[in-house]
Amino acid sequence: MSRSYRDITLGQIGEADIGRTVRAAGWVENIRDHGGVSFLDLRDMYAVLQVVVRDGKLLEGIRKEQAVSIQGMVEKRGEDTYNPKIPTGTIELAAKEIQVLGDVYAPLPFEVMTSKEVREDVRLKYRYLDLRNQKVKDNIVFRSKVIAFLREKMAELGFLEIQTPILCASSPEGARDYIVPSRKYKGKFYALPQAPQQYKQLLMVSGFDRYFQIAPCFRDEDARADRSPGEFYQLDFEMSFATQEDVFQVGEEVLSAVFEAFAPEGSSITKAPFPVFSYRQAMLQFGTDKPDLRNPLRIIDLTEFFQKCTFQPFLGKTVRAIRVHAEMSKSFHGKLLKFATGIGMGGLGYLETMEDGSYKGPIDKFIPEGLKEEFRRLAGLRPGDTVFFMADQEERAAYFAGMIRTELGEQLGLLEENAFRFCYVNDFPMFCRDAQTKEIGFTHNPFSMPQGGLEALAAKEPLEVLAYQYDIVCNGVELSSGAVRNHDLQVMVKAFEIAGYDEETLREKFGALYQAFQFGAPPHAGMAPGIDRMLMLLRGEENIREVIAYPMNGNAQDLMCGAPGKVTEQQLREVHIKVRD
């Protein structure tokens, strides 16, 4: 066939083409019969155009979502029929010929224009149809533009894009690996990278000063609204001869630039330098290491004060409080109490500050008269304030306080609108104790540099050692984690020894790094902002799957292509695998 399917896209057609005969191609979005004359909406990648059909024979056999080629003359629409919602709303195409290029052979599982209202499992099964929806498609186009911008920005900052292997060695990095059996080496396996961690550190040892990539990462973990199971993408970068502050500066510059360029018009974005909170500060003030700074409420520690009072439930407990200045009805208090008990709290104590400075509430009588002024000062109280209390062991008290803070902010409408509020959280503990096994392990990245180096590892209790680890958080979403890397072999050996790995195991599990660090490894640091999470925030989506072209469902299944799926016995034999019940 020599004739072209189209000579113009719908995004290129405008009023300048009125009177011109053109051929366009796309999908039939809608058909409307107005008695003697019919209209169809033609949709391609770029726009939607109304097509007027005056010869009814042209519509014989035409159905929604067929791929068609239409030839006709561009005409001006009557002013009373203008459609200001679309760029082509002042023109239409008078059809002279309609050719079906791709027929529809089965009933459509849903209306494309309203696919976002359909159950997610159906949308994912027919994702190729769902992606025809303008809003869904726009998210993917937006994704492409953001990634192109990120690449340009990183190159501008002197970073070199380098691709690291997808098939690599399994290593304990915090999540479960996806493993790939080897055909050539019986009983041995590759792993898909949880992150390019070791490879990018080895690039620094190799002398590459600034590396980045749009890195695919694979982790066998459960889904959340802000986490896609199976695979995700991050802007992975690393810098040689760099401090924590050097990484902070790059992170600020890149994220500020991308959010300034792509955030909705009128958005307020945190200016660099971003505020920095230590992990301990964050857990105290916000009850989480992912603080949402759009919420003005802060958590107050009143533990010491209440040990001087007579309220039995608070004695020997960590006591946290939140001061709120807002009118709250009795029903609101009831709903908040229901929320508190729903997250595991035994109750929710409170005090109201009256106009004369006195207090009203069940806890008032347990605060001695001589301490009420001290309480007022510590809590920063003024008339009209209400204080809510949470008491438990420290970790649970922080968690409860964080949840109540979030609930209060949302229910009282306190969150700053049209804002993206960034911060860094740093000084994470290097080690933690497993609640079940009671064994010491790494809190986050095992390749982080401990603050104080070898001396701190030797002299301090493991749980007291802090690491040069940091996160970037935006609106309560962790966008990135990162660290100053451990580049000293002696420090590396000692850190892993504390976490229960002897030197032989270290050499076996991380042989490349172990060897490389013997040959002049430079200090290096980096981070990896999550691209999917970044896009979710920028697009205002509540589910991360809305910004991924072909996402898995919450159970890590590709419903469209049927993965994971069965393979043949021959395929299993080739990789020396036997499936057991």
Protein backbone atom coordinates (compact mmCIF):
# COMPACT_ATOMS: atom_id res chain seq x y z
CA MET A 1 0.00 0.00 0.00
CA SER A 2 1.59 3.24 -1.14
CA ARG A 3 -0.95 5.69 0.26
CA SER A 4 -0.05 7.20 3.63
CA TYR A 5 -2.38 6.60 6.55
CA ARG A 6 -2.14 10.27 7.49
CA ASP A 7 -0.44 13.45 6.39
CA ILE A 8 -1.02 15.37 9.61
CA THR A 9 -1.54 14.65 13.29
CA LEU A 10 -4.52 16.03 15.19
CA GLY A 11 -2.23 18.15 17.30
CA GLN A 12 -1.02 19.92 14.16
CA ILE A 13 -4.44 20.83 12.75
CA GLY A 14 -5.58 24.39 13.43
CA GLU A 15 -7.61 27.24 11.98
CA ALA A 16 -4.85 27.89 9.45
CA ASP A 17 -5.85 24.62 7.78
CA ILE A 18 -9.49 25.68 7.14
CA GLY A 19 -10.35 24.86 3.51
CA ARG A 20 -7.54 22.34 3.24
CA THR A 21 -8.09 18.65 2.49
CA VAL A 22 -6.15 16.47 4.91
CA ARG A 23 -5.90 12.83 5.94
CA ALA A 24 -5.79 12.07 9.66
CA ALA A 25 -5.66 8.82 11.62
CA GLY A 26 -6.56 7.73 15.11
CA TRP A 27 -9.24 5.99 17.13
CA VAL A 28 -12.98 6.53 17.17
CA GLU A 29 -13.68 7.90 20.61
CA ASN A 30 -17.39 8.59 20.25
CA ILE A 31 -20.19 8.55 17.66
CA ARG A 32 -23.24 10.86 17.79
CA ASP A 33 -26.23 10.71 15.44
CA HIS A 34 -28.02 14.04 15.00
CA GLY A 35 -30.55 12.90 12.39
CA GLY A 36 -29.23 13.32 8.87
CA VAL A 37 -25.82 14.30 10.03
CA SER A 38 -23.52 12.43 12.40
CA PHE A 39 -20.44 13.33 14.34
CA LEU A 40 -17.58 11.25 15.57
CA ASP A 41 -14.67 12.22 17.78
CA LEU A 42 -11.34 11.16 16.38
CA ARG A 43 -8.50 10.73 18.91
CA ASP A 44 -4.79 10.26 18.37
CA MET A 45 -1.77 10.66 20.61
CA TYR A 46 -1.90 14.44 20.41
CA ALA A 47 -5.50 15.68 20.39
CA VAL A 48 -9.19 15.01 19.74
CA LEU A 49 -10.94 16.39 16.65
CA GLN A 50 -14.63 16.44 15.78
CA VAL A 51 -15.44 14.82 12.45
CA VAL A 52 -18.72 15.68 10.75
CA VAL A 53 -20.18 12.89 8.58
CA ARG A 54 -22.91 14.03 6.18
CA ASP A 55 -22.94 10.82 4.16
CA GLY A 56 -24.38 8.12 6.41
CA LYS A 57 -22.89 5.35 4.28
CA LEU A 58 -19.43 6.31 5.53
CA LEU A 59 -20.39 5.19 9.04
CA GLU A 60 -21.46 1.69 8.06
CA GLY A 61 -19.45 -0.75 10.21
CA ILE A 62 -17.82 2.04 12.23
CA ARG A 63 -17.55 1.34 15.97
CA LYS A 64 -15.92 2.90 19.00
CA GLU A 65 -12.17 2.36 19.39
CA GLN A 66 -11.57 1.26 15.82
CA ALA A 67 -8.34 2.57 14.36
CA VAL A 68 -9.34 4.57 11.28
CA SER A 69 -7.95 6.87 8.61
CA ILE A 70 -10.21 9.77 7.59
CA GLN A 71 -9.83 12.10 4.63
CA GLY A 72 -11.78 15.32 4.46
CA MET A 73 -11.80 19.10 4.44
CA VAL A 74 -11.08 21.19 7.53
CA GLU A 75 -14.05 23.49 8.25
CA LYS A 76 -14.80 26.25 10.72
CA ARG A 77 -17.34 25.23 13.36
CA GLY A 78 -20.31 27.47 14.06
CA GLU A 79 -19.62 29.75 17.00
CA ASP A 80 -22.49 28.24 18.94
CA THR A 81 -20.83 24.79 18.65
CA TYR A 82 -17.32 25.78 19.77
CA ASN A 83 -15.76 23.42 22.32
CA PRO A 84 -13.34 25.44 24.48
CA LYS A 85 -12.26 22.28 26.37
CA ILE A 86 -10.12 21.03 23.47
CA PRO A 87 -7.47 22.83 21.32
CA THR A 88 -9.33 21.89 18.11
CA GLY A 89 -12.64 23.16 19.44
CA THR A 90 -13.20 25.79 16.73
CA ILE A 91 -12.74 23.46 13.73
CA GLU A 92 -13.96 20.11 12.45
CA LEU A 93 -13.13 17.68 9.67
CA ALA A 94 -15.83 17.07 7.03
CA ALA A 95 -15.33 13.39 6.19
CA LYS A 96 -15.15 12.33 2.54
CA GLU A 97 -13.60 8.91 3.17
CA ILE A 98 -13.27 6.66 6.23
CA GLN A 99 -10.99 3.63 6.15
CA VAL A 100 -10.88 1.08 8.97
CA LEU A 101 -7.26 0.25 9.75
CA GLY A 102 -7.77 -1.79 12.89
CA ASP A 103 -11.15 -3.35 13.61
CA VAL A 104 -12.75 -4.11 16.98
CA TYR A 105 -13.64 -7.78 17.20
CA ALA A 106 -14.81 -8.10 20.81
CA PRO A 107 -16.99 -6.08 23.18
CA LEU A 108 -15.05 -3.34 24.92
CA PRO A 109 -14.44 -4.19 28.60
CA PHE A 110 -15.07 -0.55 29.55
CA GLU A 111 -15.55 2.92 28.10
CA VAL A 112 -12.10 4.36 27.48
CA MET A 113 -13.13 7.91 28.38
CA THR A 114 -14.19 6.82 31.88
CA SER A 115 -11.66 4.03 32.47
CA LYS A 116 -10.31 5.64 35.67
CA GLU A 117 -13.66 4.87 37.29
CA VAL A 118 -13.31 1.15 36.52
CA ARG A 119 -11.99 -1.44 39.02
CA GLU A 120 -8.20 -1.49 39.06
CA ASP A 121 -7.88 -5.19 38.22
CA VAL A 122 -9.92 -4.67 35.03
CA ARG A 123 -7.92 -1.57 34.11
CA LEU A 124 -4.62 -3.42 34.55
CA LYS A 125 -5.79 -6.45 32.56
CA TYR A 126 -6.65 -4.17 29.64
CA ARG A 127 -3.97 -1.59 30.32
CA TYR A 128 -3.43 -0.94 26.60
CA LEU A 129 -7.02 0.36 26.48
CA ASP A 130 -6.74 2.19 29.79
CA LEU A 131 -3.71 4.04 28.38
CA ARG A 132 -5.91 5.48 25.63
CA ASN A 133 -7.70 7.48 28.32
CA GLN A 134 -6.48 11.05 28.04
CA LYS A 135 -5.74 11.48 31.75
CA VAL A 136 -3.90 8.16 32.01
CA LYS A 137 -1.92 8.85 28.85
CA ASP A 138 -1.06 12.35 30.04
CA ASN A 139 0.60 10.85 33.13
CA ILE A 140 2.90 8.74 30.95
CA VAL A 141 3.71 11.66 28.64
CA PHE A 142 4.42 13.73 31.75
CA ARG A 143 6.71 10.97 33.03
CA SER A 144 8.73 11.05 29.82
CA LYS A 145 9.17 14.82 30.03
CA VAL A 146 10.29 14.71 33.67
CA ILE A 147 12.85 11.97 33.00
CA ALA A 148 14.21 13.90 30.01
CA PHE A 149 14.50 16.99 32.23
CA LEU A 150 16.31 15.00 34.94
CA ARG A 151 18.82 13.67 32.42
CA GLU A 152 19.50 17.16 31.11
CA LYS A 153 19.87 18.58 34.63
CA MET A 154 22.28 15.86 35.78
CA ALA A 155 24.43 16.34 32.67
CA GLU A 156 24.42 20.10 33.33
CA LEU A 157 25.78 19.39 36.83
CA GLY A 158 28.64 17.34 35.41
CA PHE A 159 27.26 13.83 36.00
CA LEU A 160 27.97 11.04 33.54
CA GLU A 161 25.16 8.57 32.75
CA ILE A 162 26.40 4.98 33.07
CA GLN A 163 24.29 1.82 32.95
CA THR A 164 25.07 -0.85 35.51
CA PRO A 165 24.23 -4.60 35.24
CA ILE A 166 20.74 -6.01 35.67
CA LEU A 167 21.97 -9.55 36.32
CA CYS A 168 24.14 -9.38 39.40
CA ALA A 169 25.05 -11.22 42.58
CA SER A 170 22.60 -11.62 45.44
CA SER A 171 23.49 -9.59 48.51
CA PRO A 172 21.71 -8.74 51.79
CA GLU A 173 20.55 -5.14 51.22
CA GLY A 174 17.37 -5.02 53.32
CA ALA A 175 14.71 -6.49 51.02
CA ARG A 176 14.17 -9.85 49.33
CA ASP A 177 15.92 -10.43 46.03
CA TYR A 178 14.37 -11.58 42.82
CA ILE A 179 16.66 -14.46 41.82
CA VAL A 180 17.40 -15.77 38.33
CA PRO A 181 18.73 -19.33 37.91
CA SER A 182 21.78 -19.93 35.75
CA ARG A 183 21.65 -22.47 32.91
CA LYS A 184 25.41 -22.79 32.60
CA TYR A 185 26.22 -23.01 36.30
CA LYS A 186 24.08 -25.60 38.06
CA GLY A 187 22.74 -24.51 41.46
CA LYS A 188 23.89 -20.94 41.06
CA PHE A 189 21.76 -17.82 40.68
CA TYR A 190 21.86 -14.23 39.58
CA ALA A 191 19.81 -11.60 41.37
CA LEU A 192 18.05 -8.56 39.96
CA PRO A 193 19.51 -5.41 41.58
CA GLN A 194 17.64 -3.94 44.54
CA ALA A 195 19.70 -0.87 43.68
CA PRO A 196 22.96 -0.31 41.77
CA GLN A 197 24.63 0.14 45.17
CA GLN A 198 27.85 -1.81 44.80
CA TYR A 199 28.33 -0.99 41.14
CA LYS A 200 28.10 2.76 41.66
CA GLN A 201 30.55 2.59 44.56
CA LEU A 202 32.91 0.61 42.35
CA LEU A 203 32.57 3.33 39.71
CA MET A 204 33.85 5.82 42.27
CA VAL A 205 36.80 3.53 43.03
CA SER A 206 37.36 3.36 39.26
CA GLY A 207 37.86 7.11 39.11
CA PHE A 208 34.52 8.24 37.68
CA ASP A 209 33.86 11.43 39.59
CA ARG A 210 30.11 11.92 39.13
CA TYR A 211 27.78 9.10 38.02
CA PHE A 212 24.02 8.89 37.51
CA GLN A 213 21.42 6.71 35.84
CA ILE A 214 17.66 6.34 35.63
CA ALA A 215 18.01 3.03 37.42
CA PRO A 216 15.53 0.15 37.44
CA CYS A 217 15.41 -1.50 40.86
CA PHE A 218 13.82 -4.81 41.81
CA ARG A 219 12.61 -5.74 45.29
CA ASP A 220 10.34 -8.57 46.29
CA GLU A 221 8.31 -6.60 48.80
CA ASP A 222 4.67 -5.85 49.48
CA ALA A 223 2.83 -3.02 47.78
CA ARG A 224 1.74 0.28 49.33
CA ALA A 225 0.04 3.30 47.86
CA ASP A 226 3.48 4.95 47.45
CA ARG A 227 5.40 1.78 46.55
CA SER A 228 5.03 -0.43 43.51
CA PRO A 229 5.89 -4.08 44.15
CA GLY A 230 8.44 -5.76 41.97
CA GLU A 231 10.17 -2.90 40.22
CA PHE A 232 10.59 0.83 40.37
CA TYR A 233 12.88 3.54 39.00
CA GLN A 234 15.12 5.99 40.80
CA LEU A 235 17.45 8.82 39.90
CA ASP A 236 20.58 7.14 41.22
CA PHE A 237 23.69 9.29 41.60
CA GLU A 238 27.05 9.13 43.34
CA MET A 239 29.91 11.60 43.85
CA SER A 240 33.58 11.10 44.67
CA PHE A 241 35.41 13.22 47.24
CA ALA A 242 32.02 14.37 48.48
CA THR A 243 30.57 15.13 51.90
CA GLN A 244 27.00 14.85 53.09
CA GLU A 245 26.58 18.57 52.46
CA ASP A 246 27.79 18.20 48.86
CA VAL A 247 25.06 15.62 48.22
CA PHE A 248 22.47 17.81 49.94
CA GLN A 249 23.34 20.67 47.59
CA VAL A 250 22.93 18.53 44.47
CA GLY A 251 19.69 16.99 45.75
CA GLU A 252 18.28 20.44 46.48
CA GLU A 253 19.26 21.81 43.10
CA VAL A 254 17.82 18.89 41.14
CA LEU A 255 14.55 18.54 43.06
CA SER A 256 13.98 22.29 43.24
CA ALA A 257 14.49 22.54 39.48
CA VAL A 258 12.17 19.64 38.57
CA PHE A 259 9.40 20.75 40.93
CA GLU A 260 9.65 24.38 39.80
CA ALA A 261 9.38 23.17 36.19
CA PHE A 262 6.60 20.60 36.59
CA ALA A 263 4.55 21.34 39.70
CA PRO A 264 1.01 22.64 39.09
CA GLU A 265 0.82 26.36 38.41
CA GLY A 266 0.68 28.41 41.59
CA SER A 267 2.40 25.79 43.75
CA SER A 268 4.66 26.89 46.59
CA ILE A 269 7.94 24.95 46.73
CA THR A 270 10.53 24.90 49.50
CA LYS A 271 13.54 27.03 48.59
CA ALA A 272 17.04 25.70 49.09
CA PRO A 273 18.60 25.05 51.49
CA PHE A 274 16.01 22.55 52.68
CA PRO A 275 15.50 22.31 56.46
CA VAL A 276 17.41 19.45 58.11
CA PHE A 277 16.12 17.39 61.03
CA SER A 278 18.01 14.67 62.78
CA TYR A 279 16.23 11.34 63.03
CA ARG A 280 15.77 11.95 66.76
CA GLN A 281 14.36 15.45 66.15
CA ALA A 282 11.96 14.14 63.52
CA MET A 283 10.65 11.36 65.74
CA LEU A 284 10.15 13.84 68.59
CA GLN A 285 8.56 16.72 66.67
CA PHE A 286 6.61 14.76 64.06
CA GLY A 287 6.39 11.17 65.35
CA THR A 288 7.81 9.90 62.07
CA ASP A 289 10.98 10.05 60.00
CA LYS A 290 8.81 11.14 57.04
CA PRO A 291 7.45 14.47 58.28
CA ASP A 292 4.80 16.38 56.34
CA LEU A 293 5.82 20.00 56.83
CA ARG A 294 2.58 21.26 55.33
CA ASN A 295 1.11 20.42 58.73
CA PRO A 296 1.92 23.23 61.20
CA LEU A 297 1.37 21.06 64.30
CA ARG A 298 4.38 20.00 66.33
CA ILE A 299 4.74 17.35 69.03
CA ILE A 300 5.96 18.33 72.49
CA ASP A 301 7.79 16.03 74.91
CA LEU A 302 6.30 16.30 78.41
CA THR A 303 7.77 13.12 79.85
CA GLU A 304 9.82 14.74 82.62
CA PHE A 305 7.02 17.10 83.59
CA PHE A 306 4.44 14.37 84.11
CA GLN A 307 6.78 12.34 86.26
CA LYS A 308 6.25 15.18 88.80
CA CYS A 309 2.45 14.82 88.61
CA THR A 310 0.04 12.29 90.06
CA PHE A 311 -1.57 10.95 86.90
CA GLN A 312 -0.85 7.25 87.21
CA PRO A 313 -1.19 6.26 83.51
CA PHE A 314 1.64 8.71 82.62
CA LEU A 315 4.12 7.64 85.30
CA GLY A 316 7.12 5.77 83.91
CA LYS A 317 5.93 6.41 80.35
CA THR A 318 7.08 8.61 77.49
CA VAL A 319 4.52 11.41 77.26
CA ARG A 320 4.00 13.37 74.06
CA ALA A 321 1.52 16.19 73.49
CA ILE A 322 0.11 18.20 70.59
CA ARG A 323 -1.19 21.75 71.00
CA VAL A 324 -4.01 22.76 68.67
CA HIS A 325 -5.68 26.16 68.35
CA ALA A 326 -9.00 25.42 66.69
CA GLU A 327 -12.66 25.07 67.53
CA MET A 328 -13.58 21.42 68.01
CA SER A 329 -17.06 20.10 68.65
CA LYS A 330 -17.95 17.31 71.03
CA SER A 331 -18.56 15.05 68.03
CA PHE A 332 -15.09 15.85 66.71
CA HIS A 333 -13.58 14.75 70.02
CA GLY A 334 -15.59 11.55 69.74
CA LYS A 335 -14.35 10.83 66.22
CA LEU A 336 -10.76 11.54 67.25
CA LEU A 337 -11.07 9.18 70.21
CA LYS A 338 -12.43 6.49 67.90
CA PHE A 339 -9.44 7.02 65.59
CA ALA A 340 -7.04 6.81 68.54
CA THR A 341 -8.43 3.53 69.81
CA GLY A 342 -8.46 2.23 66.24
CA ILE A 343 -4.67 2.60 66.00
CA GLY A 344 -4.12 0.85 69.33
CA MET A 345 -4.24 3.64 71.91
CA GLY A 346 -6.00 2.97 75.19
CA GLY A 347 -7.57 6.42 75.11
CA LEU A 348 -6.80 10.04 74.28
CA GLY A 349 -6.36 12.51 77.13
CA TYR A 350 -6.83 16.23 76.54
CA LEU A 351 -6.97 19.64 78.23
CA GLU A 352 -8.63 22.81 77.04
CA THR A 353 -7.25 26.24 77.93
CA MET A 354 -9.97 28.67 78.96
CA GLU A 355 -10.03 32.45 78.48
CA ASP A 356 -9.03 33.05 82.12
CA GLY A 357 -6.04 30.73 81.75
CA SER A 358 -7.58 27.83 83.67
CA TYR A 359 -7.78 24.32 82.28
CA LYS A 360 -10.75 22.12 81.50
CA GLY A 361 -10.40 18.40 81.03
CA PRO A 362 -9.98 15.10 82.86
CA ILE A 363 -6.22 15.53 83.40
CA ASP A 364 -6.41 18.98 85.02
CA LYS A 365 -6.93 17.67 88.57
CA PHE A 366 -3.73 15.61 88.35
CA ILE A 367 -1.52 18.65 87.67
CA PRO A 368 -0.55 20.26 91.01
CA GLU A 369 -1.42 23.95 91.30
CA GLY A 370 2.23 24.85 91.69
CA LEU A 371 3.11 23.23 88.37
CA LYS A 372 0.34 24.68 86.19
CA GLU A 373 2.37 27.70 85.16
CA GLU A 374 5.30 25.45 84.23
CA PHE A 375 2.92 23.32 82.15
CA ARG A 376 1.62 26.45 80.40
CA ARG A 377 5.18 27.49 79.56
CA LEU A 378 6.34 24.06 78.37
CA ALA A 379 3.31 23.57 76.14
CA GLY A 380 3.27 27.20 74.91
CA LEU A 381 -0.42 27.53 75.82
CA ARG A 382 -2.73 30.43 75.18
CA PRO A 383 -6.51 30.79 75.62
CA GLY A 384 -8.45 28.62 73.17
CA ASP A 385 -5.74 25.97 72.89
CA THR A 386 -6.44 22.28 73.29
CA VAL A 387 -3.68 19.84 74.20
CA PHE A 388 -3.89 16.13 73.33
CA PHE A 389 -1.72 13.57 75.16
CA MET A 390 -0.16 10.26 74.14
CA ALA A 391 1.71 8.06 76.64
CA ASP A 392 3.46 4.72 76.10
CA GLN A 393 6.94 3.32 75.72
CA GLU A 394 9.02 5.72 73.60
CA GLU A 395 8.65 4.11 70.16
CA ARG A 396 4.90 3.61 70.47
CA ALA A 397 4.36 7.07 71.97
CA ALA A 398 6.15 8.60 68.97
CA TYR A 399 4.08 6.53 66.56
CA PHE A 400 0.77 7.43 68.22
CA ALA A 401 1.68 11.11 68.38
CA GLY A 402 2.60 11.11 64.69
CA MET A 403 -0.68 9.47 63.72
CA ILE A 404 -2.75 11.88 65.85
CA ARG A 405 -0.81 14.85 64.42
CA THR A 406 -1.59 13.71 60.89
CA GLU A 407 -5.25 13.08 61.67
CA LEU A 408 -5.67 16.48 63.35
CA GLY A 409 -4.00 18.25 60.45
CA GLU A 410 -6.20 16.57 57.87
CA GLN A 411 -9.52 16.71 59.74
CA LEU A 412 -9.10 20.35 60.80
CA GLY A 413 -7.95 21.44 57.34
CA LEU A 414 -4.60 22.70 58.63
CA LEU A 415 -2.42 21.41 55.77
CA GLU A 416 -0.90 24.09 53.57
CA GLU A 417 -2.54 23.91 50.15
CA ASN A 418 -0.75 23.81 46.79
CA ALA A 419 2.60 23.35 48.50
CA PHE A 420 5.53 20.98 48.23
CA ARG A 421 7.51 21.06 51.47
CA PHE A 422 10.91 19.38 51.43
CA CYS A 423 13.27 18.51 54.23
CA TYR A 424 16.24 16.27 54.96
CA VAL A 425 16.25 13.77 57.78
CA ASN A 426 19.74 12.66 58.79
CA ASP A 427 21.77 11.11 61.63
CA PHE A 428 20.00 7.77 61.51
CA PRO A 429 21.14 5.05 63.91
CA MET A 430 23.70 2.80 62.23
CA PHE A 431 22.39 -0.35 63.91
CA CYS A 432 19.13 -1.67 65.33
CA ARG A 433 18.10 -4.70 67.35
CA ASP A 434 15.71 -7.19 65.78
CA ALA A 435 12.56 -7.34 67.90
CA GLN A 436 12.27 -11.11 67.55
CA THR A 437 15.82 -12.44 67.37
CA LYS A 438 17.32 -9.66 69.55
CA GLU A 439 20.30 -9.66 67.21
CA ILE A 440 22.08 -6.51 66.04
CA GLY A 441 21.65 -5.61 62.37
CA PHE A 442 21.96 -2.62 60.05
CA THR A 443 19.18 -0.05 60.28
CA HIS A 444 19.41 0.97 56.63
CA ASN A 445 22.21 0.72 54.11
CA PRO A 446 25.06 -1.53 55.31
CA PHE A 447 27.56 0.46 53.25
CA SER A 448 27.11 3.70 55.19
CA MET A 449 29.95 5.42 57.01
CA PRO A 450 29.51 5.47 60.80
CA GLN A 451 29.92 8.86 62.41
CA GLY A 452 33.23 8.72 64.27
CA GLY A 453 34.55 5.94 62.05
CA LEU A 454 36.45 2.99 63.47
CA GLU A 455 36.84 4.66 66.86
CA ALA A 456 33.08 4.98 67.33
CA LEU A 457 32.51 1.37 66.31
CA ALA A 458 35.09 0.20 68.84
CA ALA A 459 34.12 2.43 71.76
CA LYS A 460 30.35 2.92 71.59
CA GLU A 461 27.46 0.58 72.14
CA PRO A 462 26.18 -0.41 68.67
CA LEU A 463 22.76 1.19 69.16
CA GLU A 464 24.44 4.52 70.04
CA VAL A 465 26.39 4.73 66.78
CA LEU A 466 24.97 7.16 64.23
CA ALA A 467 25.52 6.87 60.50
CA TYR A 468 25.97 9.44 57.77
CA GLN A 469 22.60 8.41 56.36
CA TYR A 470 19.91 10.77 55.15
CA ASP A 471 16.52 10.90 53.48
CA ILE A 472 14.77 13.55 51.42
CA VAL A 473 11.10 13.84 52.35
CA CYS A 474 8.37 15.80 50.57
CA ASN A 475 4.83 16.16 51.96
CA GLY A 476 5.27 13.10 54.15
CA VAL A 477 6.61 10.91 51.33
CA GLU A 478 10.18 9.61 51.41
CA LEU A 479 11.56 10.56 48.01
CA SER A 480 15.11 9.44 48.53
CA SER A 481 17.54 7.74 50.83
CA GLY A 482 21.27 8.15 50.67
CA ALA A 483 24.49 8.05 52.61
CA VAL A 484 28.12 8.91 52.84
CA ARG A 485 29.56 5.54 51.93
CA ASN A 486 31.96 3.46 53.91
CA HIS A 487 35.15 3.47 51.81
CA ASP A 488 37.60 2.24 54.46
CA LEU A 489 38.15 -1.53 54.53
CA GLN A 490 38.89 -1.63 58.26
CA VAL A 491 35.71 0.27 59.07
CA MET A 492 33.75 -1.97 56.72
CA VAL A 493 35.06 -5.14 58.38
CA LYS A 494 34.27 -3.85 61.87
CA ALA A 495 30.76 -2.63 60.95
CA PHE A 496 29.82 -5.96 59.43
CA GLU A 497 31.35 -7.81 62.38
CA ILE A 498 28.98 -5.93 64.72
CA ALA A 499 26.07 -6.91 62.46
CA GLY A 500 27.05 -10.58 62.69
CA TYR A 501 29.13 -11.05 59.52
CA ASP A 502 32.68 -12.35 59.90
CA GLU A 503 35.35 -11.21 57.47
CA GLU A 504 35.14 -14.40 55.44
CA THR A 505 31.40 -13.91 54.93
CA LEU A 506 32.01 -10.28 54.02
CA ARG A 507 34.59 -11.34 51.45
CA GLU A 508 32.16 -13.89 50.04
CA LYS A 509 29.05 -11.65 49.92
CA PHE A 510 30.70 -8.38 48.89
CA GLY A 511 33.91 -9.61 47.31
CA ALA A 512 34.19 -6.85 44.71
CA LEU A 513 33.94 -4.04 47.26
CA TYR A 514 36.20 -5.91 49.69
CA GLN A 515 38.90 -6.16 47.05
CA ALA A 516 38.38 -2.69 45.59
CA PHE A 517 38.70 -0.97 48.96
CA GLN A 518 42.28 -2.25 49.14
CA PHE A 519 43.31 -0.04 46.24
CA GLY A 520 42.80 3.58 47.22
CA ALA A 521 39.04 4.01 47.45
CA PRO A 522 38.06 7.71 47.55
CA PRO A 523 35.50 9.12 49.99
CA HIS A 524 32.16 9.07 48.17
CA ALA A 525 28.48 9.73 48.79
CA GLY A 526 25.19 9.77 46.97
CA MET A 527 21.45 9.26 46.99
CA ALA A 528 18.64 7.98 44.81
CA PRO A 529 15.36 9.95 44.59
CA GLY A 530 12.47 7.72 43.56
CA ILE A 531 11.12 8.80 40.18
CA ASP A 532 7.75 7.07 40.56
CA ARG A 533 7.12 8.76 43.92
CA MET A 534 8.24 12.09 42.53
CA LEU A 535 5.76 11.77 39.68
CA MET A 536 2.97 10.67 42.02
CA LEU A 537 3.41 13.88 44.02
CA LEU A 538 3.68 16.14 40.98
CA ARG A 539 0.53 14.67 39.40
CA GLY A 540 -1.45 14.67 42.64
CA GLU A 541 -2.12 10.94 42.37
CA GLU A 542 -2.81 8.89 45.49
CA ASN A 543 -1.68 5.62 43.92
CA ILE A 544 1.78 5.19 42.44
CA ARG A 545 0.47 2.82 39.75
CA GLU A 546 -1.19 5.79 38.03
CA VAL A 547 2.20 7.11 36.87
CA ILE A 548 3.62 3.81 35.59
CA ALA A 549 2.85 2.60 32.07
CA TYR A 550 2.54 -1.09 32.92
CA PRO A 551 2.36 -1.48 36.70
CA MET A 552 1.89 -4.70 38.60
CA ASN A 553 -1.07 -4.98 40.93
CA GLY A 554 -0.74 -4.98 44.71
CA ASN A 555 0.10 -8.69 44.66
CA ALA A 556 3.03 -8.20 42.25
CA GLN A 557 1.09 -9.66 39.29
CA ASP A 558 1.08 -8.45 35.71
CA LEU A 559 -2.58 -9.10 34.95
CA MET A 560 -2.16 -8.06 31.33
CA CYS A 561 0.62 -10.48 30.36
CA GLY A 562 0.05 -13.06 33.08
CA ALA A 563 3.26 -12.78 35.05
CA PRO A 564 4.35 -14.57 37.11
CA GLY A 565 3.30 -17.57 35.06
CA LYS A 566 4.16 -21.21 34.65
CA VAL A 567 7.03 -22.38 32.48
CA THR A 568 7.57 -25.72 30.81
CA GLU A 569 9.29 -28.69 32.38
CA GLN A 570 12.00 -28.32 29.74
CA GLN A 571 12.68 -24.75 30.79
CA LEU A 572 12.96 -25.84 34.41
CA ARG A 573 15.34 -28.66 33.52
CA GLU A 574 17.57 -26.28 31.56
CA VAL A 575 18.14 -24.20 34.71
CA HIS A 576 18.31 -27.21 37.02
CA ILE A 577 15.12 -26.31 38.92
CA LYS A 578 12.55 -28.66 40.42
CA VAL A 579 9.33 -27.16 41.77
CA ARG A 580 8.33 -28.61 45.10
CA ASP A 581 4.90 -28.57 46.74
